[in-house]
Amino acid sequence: MWARASCLSFATLVLFACEPKQMVDGANGTGPSVVPPTLLASRDQVESWVKSRNSELSHLKYLESRGVVEFRWHDAEGDHFEQVDVDLFLALPDRSAMRLSKLGEKYFWAGGDGERWWVFDLHAKPSRVEVFRTEDGPSRGGFGLLEPACIRALAALEVVTEPYAITAQAEVQWKHGSVLRTMRFADTGLPEAVTLTDEHGALVASSTLKDYVRVSVDGTAIGAWPRVPLRTSATTPEGSAVKLAFDEPSGRASRMKPALFDLDTLLKSLHPDEVILRSKPNANTGPQP
């Protein structure tokens, strides 16, 4: 049974204008890498990787997968560990649904439709759903990790948009809303680390990615199938850690239905006791392992 007393958990992972396409110094407040670099590539090489990655992701309209999520966090009672099953559905660029369950029991349901995002806490007594406006931007704590934009960013499933910059550490940086994304590539040409910083330059969350596989996409040649990481490990400055492991992800959306991203339909299906409208997640509330 998950206790609700802990206020630092996986939910604390939330989830500067960049001068375009030039070398910048990450030490000058532009979001330095948290994970030490393993590769220093040339500017032209990073440019090539960005274009190649964007091309791959242009074919990825849907992503669905079963998987497992592991949580580690520390509070006044010591160190904790939990593991739950996850069903993840992404309809890119901005719709998502994420079902978290344990032993077949639904604990949380999170998602968004591009204009709003929400988290159903089905384990709470009374059960409730909190609804946030996407335009209000991400938050460092609370339900922030379950915001669709944060999930996509930490799993490196976002197209790099212009204007972007290439740092002296051979990383690419671009801004999405108020959050600066910093992405580092491995020598495979695929992202190996992502760092998110807020408008003040403070670290929000970081992730590392590995074990990429190609996901099948209808109407696309096998060689052009986009690659997604099977393993994403994320951490926060508060010391929480999350590991997400996909099990045979697919780009074909065989289990995906429009109702997964429709709040009115979900309200009728999950029938929470309370519906709460908020502008920002509370850093001290949210899914508490």
Protein backbone atom coordinates (compact mmCIF):
# COMPACT_ATOMS: atom_id res chain seq x y z
CA MET A 1 0.00 0.00 0.00
CA TRP A 2 1.35 3.41 -0.90
CA ALA A 3 1.52 5.92 1.94
CA ARG A 4 0.64 9.53 1.23
CA ALA A 5 2.85 11.10 3.89
CA SER A 6 5.98 11.45 1.74
CA CYS A 7 6.18 14.79 0.00
CA LEU A 8 9.23 14.08 -2.16
CA SER A 9 8.60 11.32 -4.63
CA PHE A 10 8.66 10.68 -8.32
CA ALA A 11 6.13 13.48 -8.67
CA THR A 12 8.83 16.05 -7.83
CA LEU A 13 10.25 15.34 -11.30
CA VAL A 14 8.26 17.78 -13.25
CA LEU A 15 8.17 17.88 -15.07
CA PHE A 16 16.45 32.10 -22.14
CA ALA A 17 16.14 32.51 -25.40
CA CYS A 18 18.92 30.75 -27.30
CA GLU A 19 20.87 32.44 -30.01
CA PRO A 20 20.34 30.22 -33.05
CA LYS A 21 22.94 27.75 -34.25
CA GLN A 22 26.07 29.08 -32.62
CA MET A 23 28.53 27.88 -30.03
CA VAL A 24 27.66 29.10 -26.52
CA ASP A 25 29.25 28.54 -23.13
CA GLY A 26 27.14 26.37 -20.84
CA ALA A 27 28.86 27.94 -17.82
CA ASN A 28 27.28 31.32 -18.54
CA GLY A 29 23.82 30.52 -17.23
CA THR A 30 22.54 28.65 -20.29
CA GLY A 31 21.83 25.38 -18.59
CA PRO A 32 25.02 23.34 -18.10
CA SER A 33 24.89 19.59 -18.44
CA VAL A 34 24.29 17.70 -15.21
CA VAL A 35 25.75 14.44 -16.54
CA PRO A 36 29.48 14.64 -17.45
CA PRO A 37 29.92 14.53 -21.23
CA THR A 38 31.37 11.39 -22.77
CA LEU A 39 31.81 12.87 -26.24
CA LEU A 40 32.86 16.22 -27.63
CA ALA A 41 31.72 16.42 -31.23
CA SER A 42 32.14 19.22 -33.75
CA ARG A 43 29.42 21.76 -34.35
CA ASP A 44 28.79 20.32 -37.82
CA GLN A 45 28.45 16.82 -36.38
CA VAL A 46 25.90 17.95 -33.79
CA GLU A 47 24.01 19.83 -36.51
CA SER A 48 23.87 16.61 -38.51
CA TRP A 49 22.58 14.62 -35.54
CA VAL A 50 19.89 17.20 -34.81
CA LYS A 51 18.63 17.08 -38.40
CA SER A 52 18.71 13.27 -38.44
CA ARG A 53 16.87 12.99 -35.13
CA ASN A 54 14.24 15.51 -36.21
CA SER A 55 13.73 13.56 -39.41
CA GLU A 56 13.18 10.33 -37.48
CA LEU A 57 10.72 11.91 -35.06
CA SER A 58 8.76 13.46 -37.93
CA HIS A 59 7.51 9.91 -38.65
CA LEU A 60 6.50 9.29 -35.04
CA LYS A 61 2.85 10.29 -34.75
CA TYR A 62 1.92 7.80 -32.03
CA LEU A 63 3.75 5.84 -29.37
CA GLU A 64 2.26 3.25 -27.07
CA SER A 65 3.90 0.77 -24.75
CA ARG A 66 3.47 -1.24 -21.62
CA GLY A 67 6.27 -1.09 -19.14
CA VAL A 68 7.48 -0.76 -15.59
CA VAL A 69 8.36 2.30 -13.52
CA GLU A 70 10.69 2.20 -10.52
CA PHE A 71 10.73 5.01 -7.94
CA ARG A 72 13.39 5.81 -5.37
CA TRP A 73 13.08 8.66 -2.89
CA HIS A 74 14.18 9.71 0.55
CA ASP A 75 12.19 11.29 3.36
CA ALA A 76 12.27 11.56 7.15
CA GLU A 77 11.54 7.84 7.40
CA GLY A 78 14.53 6.85 5.27
CA ASP A 79 15.06 5.48 1.78
CA HIS A 80 12.16 4.05 -0.21
CA PHE A 81 11.64 2.01 -3.37
CA GLU A 82 8.47 1.19 -5.32
CA GLN A 83 7.68 -0.45 -8.64
CA VAL A 84 4.44 -0.15 -10.63
CA ASP A 85 3.16 -1.12 -14.05
CA VAL A 86 2.57 1.55 -16.67
CA ASP A 87 0.60 1.86 -19.89
CA LEU A 88 1.79 4.86 -21.86
CA PHE A 89 0.02 6.38 -24.88
CA LEU A 90 1.39 9.39 -26.74
CA ALA A 91 -0.32 11.06 -29.69
CA LEU A 92 2.32 13.55 -30.72
CA PRO A 93 2.85 16.39 -30.45
CA ASP A 94 0.79 17.16 -27.34
CA ARG A 95 -1.70 14.46 -26.27
CA SER A 96 -0.88 11.76 -23.76
CA ALA A 97 -2.34 9.19 -21.40
CA MET A 98 -0.46 7.34 -18.69
CA ARG A 99 -2.03 4.63 -16.52
CA LEU A 100 -0.15 3.56 -13.39
CA SER A 101 -1.28 0.41 -11.59
CA LYS A 102 -0.11 -2.16 -9.09
CA LEU A 103 -1.36 -5.72 -8.84
CA GLY A 104 -4.05 -4.81 -11.36
CA GLU A 105 -5.40 -1.89 -9.31
CA LYS A 106 -5.43 1.56 -10.93
CA TYR A 107 -3.58 4.09 -8.83
CA PHE A 108 -3.20 7.11 -11.11
CA TRP A 109 -4.26 8.18 -14.55
CA ALA A 110 -2.52 11.16 -16.10
CA GLY A 111 -2.77 12.80 -19.49
CA GLY A 112 -3.47 15.88 -21.53
CA ASP A 113 -5.09 17.18 -24.70
CA GLY A 114 -2.75 20.05 -25.56
CA GLU A 115 -4.81 22.71 -23.79
CA ARG A 116 -5.22 21.05 -20.39
CA TRP A 117 -3.52 18.25 -18.54
CA TRP A 118 -4.77 16.25 -15.61
CA VAL A 119 -3.98 13.66 -12.97
CA PHE A 120 -6.61 11.32 -11.54
CA ASP A 121 -5.63 10.12 -8.05
CA LEU A 122 -7.77 6.99 -7.84
CA HIS A 123 -6.11 5.75 -4.68
CA ALA A 124 -7.02 8.82 -2.63
CA LYS A 125 -9.97 8.86 -0.26
CA PRO A 126 -11.95 10.63 -1.64
CA SER A 127 -10.68 10.03 -5.17
CA ARG A 128 -10.02 13.15 -7.22
CA VAL A 129 -8.73 14.63 -10.42
CA GLU A 130 -6.63 17.79 -10.63
CA VAL A 131 -6.78 19.70 -13.91
CA PHE A 132 -4.13 22.21 -15.01
CA ARG A 133 -3.90 24.60 -17.93
CA THR A 134 -1.04 23.82 -20.30
CA GLU A 135 -0.45 27.53 -20.87
CA ASP A 136 0.49 27.97 -17.21
CA GLY A 137 3.66 26.00 -17.86
CA PRO A 138 5.36 23.23 -15.91
CA SER A 139 6.10 23.12 -12.20
CA ARG A 140 9.04 21.70 -10.31
CA GLY A 141 6.97 19.60 -7.96
CA GLY A 142 3.69 17.90 -7.31
CA PHE A 143 2.20 16.23 -10.36
CA GLY A 144 4.68 17.99 -12.64
CA LEU A 145 6.39 14.82 -13.86
CA LEU A 146 3.13 13.60 -15.33
CA GLU A 147 2.69 16.66 -17.53
CA PRO A 148 2.79 15.48 -21.15
CA ALA A 149 5.48 17.99 -22.15
CA CYS A 150 7.76 16.78 -19.36
CA ILE A 151 7.35 13.11 -20.29
CA ARG A 152 8.21 13.82 -23.91
CA ALA A 153 11.17 16.01 -23.01
CA LEU A 154 12.84 13.62 -20.56
CA ALA A 155 12.38 10.69 -22.96
CA ALA A 156 13.90 12.71 -25.84
CA LEU A 157 10.73 12.43 -27.93
CA GLU A 158 10.60 16.12 -28.87
CA VAL A 159 11.70 17.66 -32.14
CA VAL A 160 14.46 20.23 -31.63
CA THR A 161 12.90 23.53 -32.67
CA GLU A 162 14.54 26.72 -33.89
CA PRO A 163 16.10 28.86 -32.67
CA TYR A 164 18.52 26.43 -31.07
CA ALA A 165 22.11 26.70 -29.94
CA ILE A 166 25.06 24.32 -29.88
CA THR A 167 27.15 24.69 -26.75
CA ALA A 168 30.87 24.45 -26.22
CA GLN A 169 30.13 21.00 -24.71
CA ALA A 170 28.63 19.89 -28.05
CA GLU A 171 25.08 19.89 -26.67
CA VAL A 172 22.03 21.35 -28.35
CA GLN A 173 19.79 23.77 -26.47
CA TRP A 174 16.36 25.14 -27.27
CA LYS A 175 13.50 26.71 -25.37
CA HIS A 176 9.98 25.31 -25.06
CA GLY A 177 7.75 27.70 -23.19
CA SER A 178 9.67 28.81 -20.13
CA VAL A 179 11.82 25.68 -19.91
CA LEU A 180 15.22 25.31 -21.52
CA ARG A 181 16.01 21.87 -22.91
CA THR A 182 19.64 20.77 -23.15
CA MET A 183 20.27 17.55 -25.06
CA ARG A 184 23.53 15.64 -25.44
CA PHE A 185 24.14 13.06 -28.15
CA ALA A 186 26.10 9.84 -27.91
CA ASP A 187 28.49 8.84 -30.69
CA THR A 188 25.60 6.83 -32.16
CA GLY A 189 23.94 10.13 -33.07
CA LEU A 190 21.11 9.47 -30.61
CA PRO A 191 20.30 11.46 -27.46
CA GLU A 192 21.92 10.09 -24.31
CA ALA A 193 21.00 12.81 -21.79
CA VAL A 194 18.45 15.60 -21.33
CA THR A 195 18.49 18.45 -18.82
CA LEU A 196 15.58 20.79 -18.07
CA THR A 197 16.17 24.19 -16.46
CA ASP A 198 13.67 26.90 -15.60
CA GLU A 199 13.65 30.55 -16.65
CA HIS A 200 15.99 31.39 -13.77
CA GLY A 201 18.55 28.76 -14.76
CA ALA A 202 17.65 26.40 -11.90
CA LEU A 203 17.70 22.68 -12.57
CA VAL A 204 14.23 21.11 -12.86
CA ALA A 205 15.10 17.54 -13.84
CA SER A 206 17.58 15.53 -15.89
CA SER A 207 17.52 12.15 -17.57
CA THR A 208 19.76 9.61 -19.27
CA LEU A 209 18.60 7.36 -22.08
CA LYS A 210 19.81 4.07 -23.52
CA ASP A 211 18.89 0.86 -25.36
CA TYR A 212 17.22 2.42 -28.38
CA VAL A 213 14.96 0.33 -30.60
CA ARG A 214 13.12 1.15 -33.81
CA VAL A 215 9.34 1.30 -33.50
CA SER A 216 7.14 0.20 -36.38
CA VAL A 217 5.22 2.94 -38.18
CA ASP A 218 2.65 2.22 -40.88
CA GLY A 219 3.55 3.58 -44.31
CA THR A 220 7.21 4.15 -43.39
CA ALA A 221 10.18 2.13 -44.61
CA ILE A 222 11.85 0.01 -41.93
CA GLY A 223 15.09 1.96 -42.24
CA ALA A 224 13.23 5.17 -41.43
CA TRP A 225 11.36 3.84 -38.41
CA PRO A 226 12.07 6.20 -35.48
CA ARG A 227 14.17 5.00 -32.58
CA VAL A 228 13.02 5.39 -28.98
CA PRO A 229 14.87 4.56 -25.75
CA LEU A 230 13.75 1.46 -23.87
CA ARG A 231 15.32 2.82 -20.68
CA THR A 232 14.91 6.34 -19.31
CA SER A 233 16.39 7.24 -15.92
CA ALA A 234 15.46 10.62 -14.45
CA THR A 235 16.50 12.49 -11.31
CA THR A 236 15.61 15.73 -9.56
CA PRO A 237 17.66 18.14 -7.44
CA GLU A 238 15.63 16.94 -4.44
CA GLY A 239 17.15 13.47 -4.81
CA SER A 240 14.20 11.54 -6.24
CA ALA A 241 14.88 9.05 -9.04
CA VAL A 242 12.64 7.36 -11.59
CA LYS A 243 13.42 4.58 -14.05
CA LEU A 244 11.03 3.91 -16.91
CA ALA A 245 11.40 0.69 -18.90
CA PHE A 246 9.34 0.15 -22.05
CA ASP A 247 8.24 -3.30 -23.16
CA GLU A 248 8.00 -3.56 -26.96
CA PRO A 249 6.95 0.02 -27.80
CA SER A 250 5.01 0.54 -31.01
CA GLY A 251 4.28 3.45 -33.31
CA ARG A 252 1.15 1.85 -34.75
CA ALA A 253 -1.36 2.91 -32.06
CA SER A 254 -3.16 -0.43 -32.12
CA ARG A 255 -4.55 0.07 -28.58
CA MET A 256 -4.96 3.83 -28.76
CA LYS A 257 -8.42 5.42 -28.73
CA PRO A 258 -9.51 9.09 -28.78
CA ALA A 259 -11.29 8.57 -25.45
CA LEU A 260 -7.89 8.17 -23.74
CA PHE A 261 -7.26 11.89 -24.27
CA ASP A 262 -10.76 13.23 -23.67
CA LEU A 263 -11.29 14.63 -20.19
CA ASP A 264 -15.10 14.49 -20.29
CA THR A 265 -15.02 10.81 -21.26
CA LEU A 266 -12.48 10.04 -18.54
CA LEU A 267 -14.60 11.82 -15.91
CA LYS A 268 -17.54 9.58 -16.79
CA SER A 269 -15.41 6.44 -16.86
CA LEU A 270 -13.24 6.98 -13.77
CA HIS A 271 -15.88 9.03 -11.84
CA PRO A 272 -13.63 10.74 -9.28
CA ASP A 273 -15.26 12.10 -6.13
CA GLU A 274 -13.67 15.54 -6.60
CA VAL A 275 -12.70 17.66 -9.61
CA ILE A 276 -10.15 20.36 -8.76
CA LEU A 277 -9.06 23.09 -11.20
CA ARG A 278 -5.59 24.52 -10.54
CA SER A 279 -3.11 26.84 -12.21
CA LYS A 280 -0.01 25.07 -10.86
CA PRO A 281 0.75 21.74 -9.19
CA ASN A 282 1.47 21.92 -5.47
CA ALA A 283 5.03 20.77 -4.84
CA ASN A 284 3.93 18.92 -1.71
CA THR A 285 1.10 16.93 -3.23
CA GLY A 286 0.84 14.35 -5.93
CA PRO A 287 1.38 10.64 -6.37
CA GLN A 288 3.14 9.53 -3.22
CA PRO A 289 4.74 6.07 -3.29
